[in-house]
C-alpha atoms as a PDB file:
ATOM      1  CA  MET A   1     -19.425 -14.875  10.725  1.00  0.00           C
ATOM      2  CA  LEU A   2     -17.282 -12.176   9.184  1.00  0.00           C
ATOM      3  CA  LYS A   3     -14.950 -13.178   6.411  1.00  0.00           C
ATOM      4  CA  LYS A   4     -11.600 -11.421   6.200  1.00  0.00           C
ATOM      5  CA  ILE A   5     -10.937  -9.901   2.825  1.00  0.00           C
ATOM      6  CA  ARG A   6      -7.598 -10.318   1.130  1.00  0.00           C
ATOM      7  CA  ASN A   7      -4.987  -7.652   1.784  1.00  0.00           C
ATOM      8  CA  THR A   8      -4.589  -6.049  -1.640  1.00  0.00           C
ATOM      9  CA  PRO A   9      -1.069  -4.883  -2.519  1.00  0.00           C
ATOM     10  CA  PRO A  10      -0.808  -1.324  -3.872  1.00  0.00           C
ATOM     11  CA  GLY A  11       0.777  -2.654  -7.063  1.00  0.00           C
ATOM     12  CA  GLU A  12      -2.375  -4.607  -7.811  1.00  0.00           C
ATOM     13  CA  ILE A  13      -4.431  -1.433  -7.401  1.00  0.00           C
ATOM     14  CA  LEU A  14      -1.991   0.410  -9.666  1.00  0.00           C
ATOM     15  CA  ARG A  15      -2.421  -2.253 -12.333  1.00  0.00           C
ATOM     16  CA  GLN A  16      -6.156  -2.948 -12.044  1.00  0.00           C
ATOM     17  CA  GLU A  17      -7.469   0.551 -11.351  1.00  0.00           C
ATOM     18  CA  PHE A  18      -5.039   2.718 -13.290  1.00  0.00           C
ATOM     19  CA  LEU A  19      -2.868   1.013 -15.890  1.00  0.00           C
ATOM     20  CA  LEU A  20      -5.385  -1.413 -17.436  1.00  0.00           C
ATOM     21  CA  PRO A  21      -8.342   1.000 -17.716  1.00  0.00           C
ATOM     22  CA  MET A  22      -6.096   3.753 -19.084  1.00  0.00           C
ATOM     23  CA  GLU A  23      -4.310   1.324 -21.405  1.00  0.00           C
ATOM     24  CA  VAL A  24      -0.920   2.377 -20.047  1.00  0.00           C
ATOM     25  CA  THR A  25       1.837  -0.226 -19.954  1.00  0.00           C
ATOM     26  CA  ALA A  26       4.339  -0.534 -17.122  1.00  0.00           C
ATOM     27  CA  TYR A  27       7.016   0.480 -19.621  1.00  0.00           C
ATOM     28  CA  ARG A  28       5.098   3.615 -20.685  1.00  0.00           C
ATOM     29  CA  LEU A  29       4.538   4.602 -17.049  1.00  0.00           C
ATOM     30  CA  ALA A  30       8.220   4.099 -16.262  1.00  0.00           C
ATOM     31  CA  VAL A  31       9.302   6.266 -19.193  1.00  0.00           C
ATOM     32  CA  ASP A  32       6.740   8.977 -18.439  1.00  0.00           C
ATOM     33  CA  VAL A  33       7.652   9.260 -14.726  1.00  0.00           C
ATOM     34  CA  CYS A  34      11.408   8.821 -15.328  1.00  0.00           C
ATOM     35  CA  ILE A  35      12.049   5.720 -13.244  1.00  0.00           C
ATOM     36  CA  PRO A  36      13.345   2.267 -14.209  1.00  0.00           C
ATOM     37  CA  GLN A  37      10.764  -0.156 -15.517  1.00  0.00           C
ATOM     38  CA  THR A  38      12.068  -2.716 -13.030  1.00  0.00           C
ATOM     39  CA  ARG A  39      10.781  -0.482 -10.215  1.00  0.00           C
ATOM     40  CA  ILE A  40       7.294  -0.426 -11.738  1.00  0.00           C
ATOM     41  CA  SER A  41       7.362  -4.186 -12.330  1.00  0.00           C
ATOM     42  CA  GLY A  42       8.513  -4.783  -8.761  1.00  0.00           C
ATOM     43  CA  ILE A  43       5.637  -2.709  -7.406  1.00  0.00           C
ATOM     44  CA  ILE A  44       3.090  -4.466  -9.612  1.00  0.00           C
ATOM     45  CA  LYS A  45       4.399  -7.894  -8.570  1.00  0.00           C
ATOM     46  CA  GLY A  46       4.337  -6.936  -4.882  1.00  0.00           C
ATOM     47  CA  ARG A  47       8.096  -7.248  -4.481  1.00  0.00           C
ATOM     48  CA  ARG A  48       8.712  -3.554  -3.990  1.00  0.00           C
ATOM     49  CA  ARG A  49       7.150  -0.821  -1.881  1.00  0.00           C
ATOM     50  CA  ILE A  50       5.871   2.507  -3.110  1.00  0.00           C
ATOM     51  CA  THR A  51       8.363   5.054  -1.776  1.00  0.00           C
ATOM     52  CA  ALA A  52       7.802   8.772  -1.238  1.00  0.00           C
ATOM     53  CA  ASP A  53       9.662   9.482  -4.492  1.00  0.00           C
ATOM     54  CA  THR A  54       7.493   7.068  -6.455  1.00  0.00           C
ATOM     55  CA  ALA A  55       4.318   8.359  -4.764  1.00  0.00           C
ATOM     56  CA  ILE A  56       5.107  11.908  -5.856  1.00  0.00           C
ATOM     57  CA  ARG A  57       5.765  10.766  -9.426  1.00  0.00           C
ATOM     58  CA  PHE A  58       2.516   8.722  -9.537  1.00  0.00           C
ATOM     59  CA  GLY A  59       0.575  11.652  -8.059  1.00  0.00           C
ATOM     60  CA  CYS A  60       1.879  13.992 -10.747  1.00  0.00           C
ATOM     61  CA  TYR A  61       1.196  11.475 -13.506  1.00  0.00           C
ATOM     62  CA  PHE A  62      -2.276  10.300 -12.476  1.00  0.00           C
ATOM     63  CA  GLY A  63      -3.473  13.660 -11.146  1.00  0.00           C
ATOM     64  CA  ASN A  64      -4.034  12.508  -7.587  1.00  0.00           C
ATOM     65  CA  SER A  65      -2.055  13.097  -4.418  1.00  0.00           C
ATOM     66  CA  PRO A  66       1.191  11.428  -3.380  1.00  0.00           C
ATOM     67  CA  LYS A  67      -0.556  10.779  -0.053  1.00  0.00           C
ATOM     68  CA  PHE A  68      -3.014   8.497  -1.853  1.00  0.00           C
ATOM     69  CA  TRP A  69      -0.158   6.243  -2.971  1.00  0.00           C
ATOM     70  CA  LEU A  70       1.652   6.308   0.373  1.00  0.00           C
ATOM     71  CA  ASP A  71      -1.616   5.578   2.193  1.00  0.00           C
ATOM     72  CA  LEU A  72      -2.183   2.532  -0.020  1.00  0.00           C
ATOM     73  CA  GLN A  73       1.290   1.275   0.860  1.00  0.00           C
ATOM     74  CA  ASN A  74       0.965   2.051   4.575  1.00  0.00           C
ATOM     75  CA  ASP A  75      -2.471   0.423   4.820  1.00  0.00           C
ATOM     76  CA  TYR A  76      -1.116  -2.685   3.126  1.00  0.00           C
ATOM     77  CA  ASP A  77       1.946  -2.829   5.395  1.00  0.00           C
ATOM     78  CA  LEU A  78      -0.069  -2.322   8.591  1.00  0.00           C
ATOM     79  CA  GLU A  79      -2.621  -4.961   7.623  1.00  0.00           C
ATOM     80  CA  ALA A  80       0.113  -7.448   6.753  1.00  0.00           C
ATOM     81  CA  LYS A  81       1.942  -6.875  10.041  1.00  0.00           C
ATOM     82  CA  MET A  82      -1.287  -7.092  12.077  1.00  0.00           C
ATOM     83  CA  ARG A  83      -2.163 -10.395  10.440  1.00  0.00           C
ATOM     84  CA  LYS A  84       1.323 -11.726  11.082  1.00  0.00           C
ATOM     85  CA  LYS A  85       1.842 -10.514  14.659  1.00  0.00           C
ATOM     86  CA  GLY A  86      -1.648  -9.635  15.882  1.00  0.00           C
ATOM     87  CA  ARG A  87      -1.585 -11.906  18.925  1.00  0.00           C
ATOM     88  CA  GLU A  88       1.771 -10.523  19.977  1.00  0.00           C
ATOM     89  CA  PHE A  89       0.452  -6.956  19.700  1.00  0.00           C
ATOM     90  CA  LYS A  90      -2.715  -7.797  21.649  1.00  0.00           C
ATOM     91  CA  ALA A  91      -0.584  -9.137  24.494  1.00  0.00           C
ATOM     92  CA  ILE A  92       1.064  -5.743  25.023  1.00  0.00           C
ATOM     93  CA  LYS A  93      -0.263  -4.166  28.206  1.00  0.00           C
ATOM     94  CA  ARG A  94      -1.400  -0.588  27.804  1.00  0.00           C
ATOM     95  CA  CYS A  95       0.438   2.136  29.704  1.00  0.00           C
ATOM     96  CA  LYS A  96      -1.529   3.055  32.838  1.00  0.00           C
ATOM     97  CA  PHE A  97      -1.610   6.702  31.751  1.00  0.00           C
ATOM     98  CA  PHE A  98      -3.526   5.924  28.579  1.00  0.00           C
ATOM     99  CA  GLN A  99      -6.764   4.140  29.285  1.00  0.00           C
ATOM    100  CA  VAL A 100      -8.581   4.992  26.029  1.00  0.00           C
ATOM    101  CA  PRO A 101      -9.151   1.755  24.059  1.00  0.00           C
ATOM    102  CA  VAL A 102      -7.113   1.282  20.906  1.00  0.00           C
ATOM    103  CA  SER A 103      -8.787  -0.464  17.998  1.00  0.00           C
ATOM    104  CA  LEU A 104      -6.995  -3.517  16.684  1.00  0.00           C
ATOM    105  CA  SER A 105      -9.923  -4.520  14.502  1.00  0.00           C
ATOM    106  CA  VAL A 106      -7.784  -6.538  12.094  1.00  0.00           C
ATOM    107  CA  ILE A 107      -6.961  -9.114  14.732  1.00  0.00           C
END
């Protein structure tokens, strides 16, 4: 039997995979990317989303792409919504013009 893994918020990835190994505090990151520390704290605590603006700033700072950060957020949001409303989505009848199966593997 397959076990579902926990949906990891992007703020947890920011903290565990970037800030802690690089020994960068939330305050230091906030100062360096010119945003309020409360925004960083909100992201880390899972209370705030990573916006396009924040993704661009993180991409510049960490040397990766803004798309990486937005993809983390979008993947998290989609997974959360699928877990919450999966049965409702499965009940939607497909348009007769589109017969190619759509994967709802999270459900």
